[in-house]
Amino acid sequence: MKEAYQILISPLITDKTVKGNYDRLNDVHTYVFRVAIKANKFEIKKAIENYFGVQVSAVNTLVMRGKMKRMQLRTKITSGKLPNWKKAYVKLKPGHKISEFEGMS
């Protein structure tokens, strides 16, 4: 199995992810991470559980397609594409939360 630092690249902390990360009705927290493109749901779940010491109930993943970018080099305009990357929505079991992300909302 890969190490957690090889699977979890960084947390995605935006207004949208921080605002919608807590379901008050069911006491469930959801966090969003940028993960390795080849990581599957089972590897992501084990990495979160081992690294943060919480229990994960569900992992949803999606591949974000790279955007097309244009850039001007002197008198020539060239176009290129940013690489694809994978996003993971991690839902924790009721009563669990990651203390590193507290106070961000």
C-alpha atoms as a PDB file:
ATOM      1  CA  MET A   1       0.000   0.000   0.000  1.00  0.00           C
ATOM      2  CA  LYS A   2       1.136   3.530  -0.730  1.00  0.00           C
ATOM      3  CA  GLU A   3       1.878   5.987   2.040  1.00  0.00           C
ATOM      4  CA  ALA A   4      -0.656   8.700   2.941  1.00  0.00           C
ATOM      5  CA  TYR A   5       1.576  11.495   1.621  1.00  0.00           C
ATOM      6  CA  GLN A   6       1.672   9.786  -1.790  1.00  0.00           C
ATOM      7  CA  ILE A   7      -2.146   9.622  -1.989  1.00  0.00           C
ATOM      8  CA  LEU A   8      -3.282  12.870  -0.311  1.00  0.00           C
ATOM      9  CA  ILE A   9      -1.821  15.865  -2.137  1.00  0.00           C
ATOM     10  CA  SER A  10      -3.629  18.742  -0.412  1.00  0.00           C
ATOM     11  CA  PRO A  11      -6.970  19.705   1.116  1.00  0.00           C
ATOM     12  CA  LEU A  12      -9.223  21.918  -0.985  1.00  0.00           C
ATOM     13  CA  ILE A  13     -10.199  24.839   1.203  1.00  0.00           C
ATOM     14  CA  THR A  14     -12.601  27.103  -0.645  1.00  0.00           C
ATOM     15  CA  ASP A  15     -15.717  28.983   0.406  1.00  0.00           C
ATOM     16  CA  LYS A  16     -17.928  26.328  -1.126  1.00  0.00           C
ATOM     17  CA  THR A  17     -16.189  23.334   0.472  1.00  0.00           C
ATOM     18  CA  VAL A  18     -15.959  24.909   3.922  1.00  0.00           C
ATOM     19  CA  LYS A  19     -19.560  26.117   3.934  1.00  0.00           C
ATOM     20  CA  GLY A  20     -21.039  22.760   2.934  1.00  0.00           C
ATOM     21  CA  ASN A  21     -18.858  20.449   4.993  1.00  0.00           C
ATOM     22  CA  TYR A  22     -21.196  19.923   7.979  1.00  0.00           C
ATOM     23  CA  ASP A  23     -24.639  18.326   7.945  1.00  0.00           C
ATOM     24  CA  ARG A  24     -26.324  19.461  11.166  1.00  0.00           C
ATOM     25  CA  LEU A  25     -29.202  17.024  10.833  1.00  0.00           C
ATOM     26  CA  ASN A  26     -27.015  13.903  10.858  1.00  0.00           C
ATOM     27  CA  ASP A  27     -23.872  15.308  12.587  1.00  0.00           C
ATOM     28  CA  VAL A  28     -21.733  14.330   9.581  1.00  0.00           C
ATOM     29  CA  HIS A  29     -18.638  16.171   8.296  1.00  0.00           C
ATOM     30  CA  THR A  30     -17.515  16.096   4.652  1.00  0.00           C
ATOM     31  CA  TYR A  31     -14.035  17.180   3.558  1.00  0.00           C
ATOM     32  CA  VAL A  32     -12.591  17.685   0.071  1.00  0.00           C
ATOM     33  CA  PHE A  33      -9.047  16.667  -0.875  1.00  0.00           C
ATOM     34  CA  ARG A  34      -6.895  16.784  -3.982  1.00  0.00           C
ATOM     35  CA  VAL A  35      -5.556  13.243  -4.386  1.00  0.00           C
ATOM     36  CA  ALA A  36      -3.240  11.299  -6.690  1.00  0.00           C
ATOM     37  CA  ILE A  37      -4.780  10.631 -10.092  1.00  0.00           C
ATOM     38  CA  LYS A  38      -4.243   6.856  -9.798  1.00  0.00           C
ATOM     39  CA  ALA A  39      -5.534   6.500  -6.228  1.00  0.00           C
ATOM     40  CA  ASN A  40      -8.747   4.530  -5.783  1.00  0.00           C
ATOM     41  CA  LYS A  41     -11.448   4.936  -3.130  1.00  0.00           C
ATOM     42  CA  PHE A  42     -10.085   2.205  -0.844  1.00  0.00           C
ATOM     43  CA  GLU A  43      -6.597   3.728  -0.796  1.00  0.00           C
ATOM     44  CA  ILE A  44      -8.026   7.191  -0.093  1.00  0.00           C
ATOM     45  CA  LYS A  45     -10.148   5.832   2.754  1.00  0.00           C
ATOM     46  CA  LYS A  46      -7.205   4.048   4.400  1.00  0.00           C
ATOM     47  CA  ALA A  47      -4.955   7.100   3.986  1.00  0.00           C
ATOM     48  CA  ILE A  48      -7.494   9.410   5.692  1.00  0.00           C
ATOM     49  CA  GLU A  49      -8.129   6.927   8.509  1.00  0.00           C
ATOM     50  CA  ASN A  50      -4.418   6.358   9.180  1.00  0.00           C
ATOM     51  CA  TYR A  51      -3.281   9.970   8.826  1.00  0.00           C
ATOM     52  CA  PHE A  52      -6.059  11.786  10.713  1.00  0.00           C
ATOM     53  CA  GLY A  53      -7.275   8.989  13.038  1.00  0.00           C
ATOM     54  CA  VAL A  54     -10.968   9.212  12.064  1.00  0.00           C
ATOM     55  CA  GLN A  55     -13.475   6.739  10.628  1.00  0.00           C
ATOM     56  CA  VAL A  56     -14.635   7.274   7.035  1.00  0.00           C
ATOM     57  CA  SER A  57     -18.110   6.234   5.921  1.00  0.00           C
ATOM     58  CA  ALA A  58     -17.945   7.134   2.196  1.00  0.00           C
ATOM     59  CA  VAL A  59     -15.538   8.408  -0.453  1.00  0.00           C
ATOM     60  CA  ASN A  60     -16.687   9.938  -3.749  1.00  0.00           C
ATOM     61  CA  THR A  61     -14.131  10.788  -6.413  1.00  0.00           C
ATOM     62  CA  LEU A  62     -14.139  12.700  -9.664  1.00  0.00           C
ATOM     63  CA  VAL A  63     -11.514  13.595 -12.234  1.00  0.00           C
ATOM     64  CA  MET A  64     -11.232  17.291 -12.977  1.00  0.00           C
ATOM     65  CA  ARG A  65     -10.218  17.808 -16.584  1.00  0.00           C
ATOM     66  CA  GLY A  66      -7.301  20.164 -17.214  1.00  0.00           C
ATOM     67  CA  LYS A  67      -8.109  23.576 -18.649  1.00  0.00           C
ATOM     68  CA  MET A  68      -6.824  24.866 -21.944  1.00  0.00           C
ATOM     69  CA  LYS A  69      -4.447  27.813 -21.551  1.00  0.00           C
ATOM     70  CA  ARG A  70      -2.946  30.216 -24.081  1.00  0.00           C
ATOM     71  CA  MET A  71       0.307  32.020 -23.590  1.00  0.00           C
ATOM     72  CA  GLN A  72       2.270  34.507 -25.627  1.00  0.00           C
ATOM     73  CA  LEU A  73       5.971  33.944 -26.152  1.00  0.00           C
ATOM     74  CA  ARG A  74       7.423  37.059 -27.785  1.00  0.00           C
ATOM     75  CA  THR A  75       5.406  37.308 -31.035  1.00  0.00           C
ATOM     76  CA  LYS A  76       4.006  33.789 -31.085  1.00  0.00           C
ATOM     77  CA  ILE A  77       0.843  32.647 -29.300  1.00  0.00           C
ATOM     78  CA  THR A  78       0.892  29.009 -28.204  1.00  0.00           C
ATOM     79  CA  SER A  79      -1.741  26.955 -26.461  1.00  0.00           C
ATOM     80  CA  GLY A  80      -1.370  24.187 -23.952  1.00  0.00           C
ATOM     81  CA  LYS A  81      -3.353  22.148 -21.481  1.00  0.00           C
ATOM     82  CA  LEU A  82      -3.035  21.907 -17.712  1.00  0.00           C
ATOM     83  CA  PRO A  83      -2.900  18.338 -16.370  1.00  0.00           C
ATOM     84  CA  ASN A  84      -5.966  16.431 -15.166  1.00  0.00           C
ATOM     85  CA  TRP A  85      -6.330  16.004 -11.404  1.00  0.00           C
ATOM     86  CA  LYS A  86      -8.551  14.026  -9.041  1.00  0.00           C
ATOM     87  CA  LYS A  87     -10.809  15.376  -6.303  1.00  0.00           C
ATOM     88  CA  ALA A  88     -12.153  13.268  -3.415  1.00  0.00           C
ATOM     89  CA  TYR A  89     -15.152  14.039  -1.200  1.00  0.00           C
ATOM     90  CA  VAL A  90     -14.625  12.221   2.109  1.00  0.00           C
ATOM     91  CA  LYS A  91     -17.640  11.768   4.382  1.00  0.00           C
ATOM     92  CA  LEU A  92     -16.864  10.851   7.982  1.00  0.00           C
ATOM     93  CA  LYS A  93     -18.977   8.748  10.321  1.00  0.00           C
ATOM     94  CA  PRO A  94     -21.270  10.651  12.727  1.00  0.00           C
ATOM     95  CA  GLY A  95     -19.411  12.261  15.602  1.00  0.00           C
ATOM     96  CA  HIS A  96     -16.010  12.284  13.865  1.00  0.00           C
ATOM     97  CA  LYS A  97     -14.260  15.400  12.606  1.00  0.00           C
ATOM     98  CA  ILE A  98     -10.765  16.430  11.588  1.00  0.00           C
ATOM     99  CA  SER A  99      -9.446  18.877  14.172  1.00  0.00           C
ATOM    100  CA  GLU A 100      -6.955  20.477  11.733  1.00  0.00           C
ATOM    101  CA  PHE A 101      -9.852  21.997   9.780  1.00  0.00           C
ATOM    102  CA  GLU A 102     -11.766  23.433  12.740  1.00  0.00           C
ATOM    103  CA  GLY A 103     -12.285  27.177  12.829  1.00  0.00           C
ATOM    104  CA  MET A 104     -12.154  27.641   9.053  1.00  0.00           C
ATOM    105  CA  SER A 105     -15.878  28.213   8.526  1.00  0.00           C
END
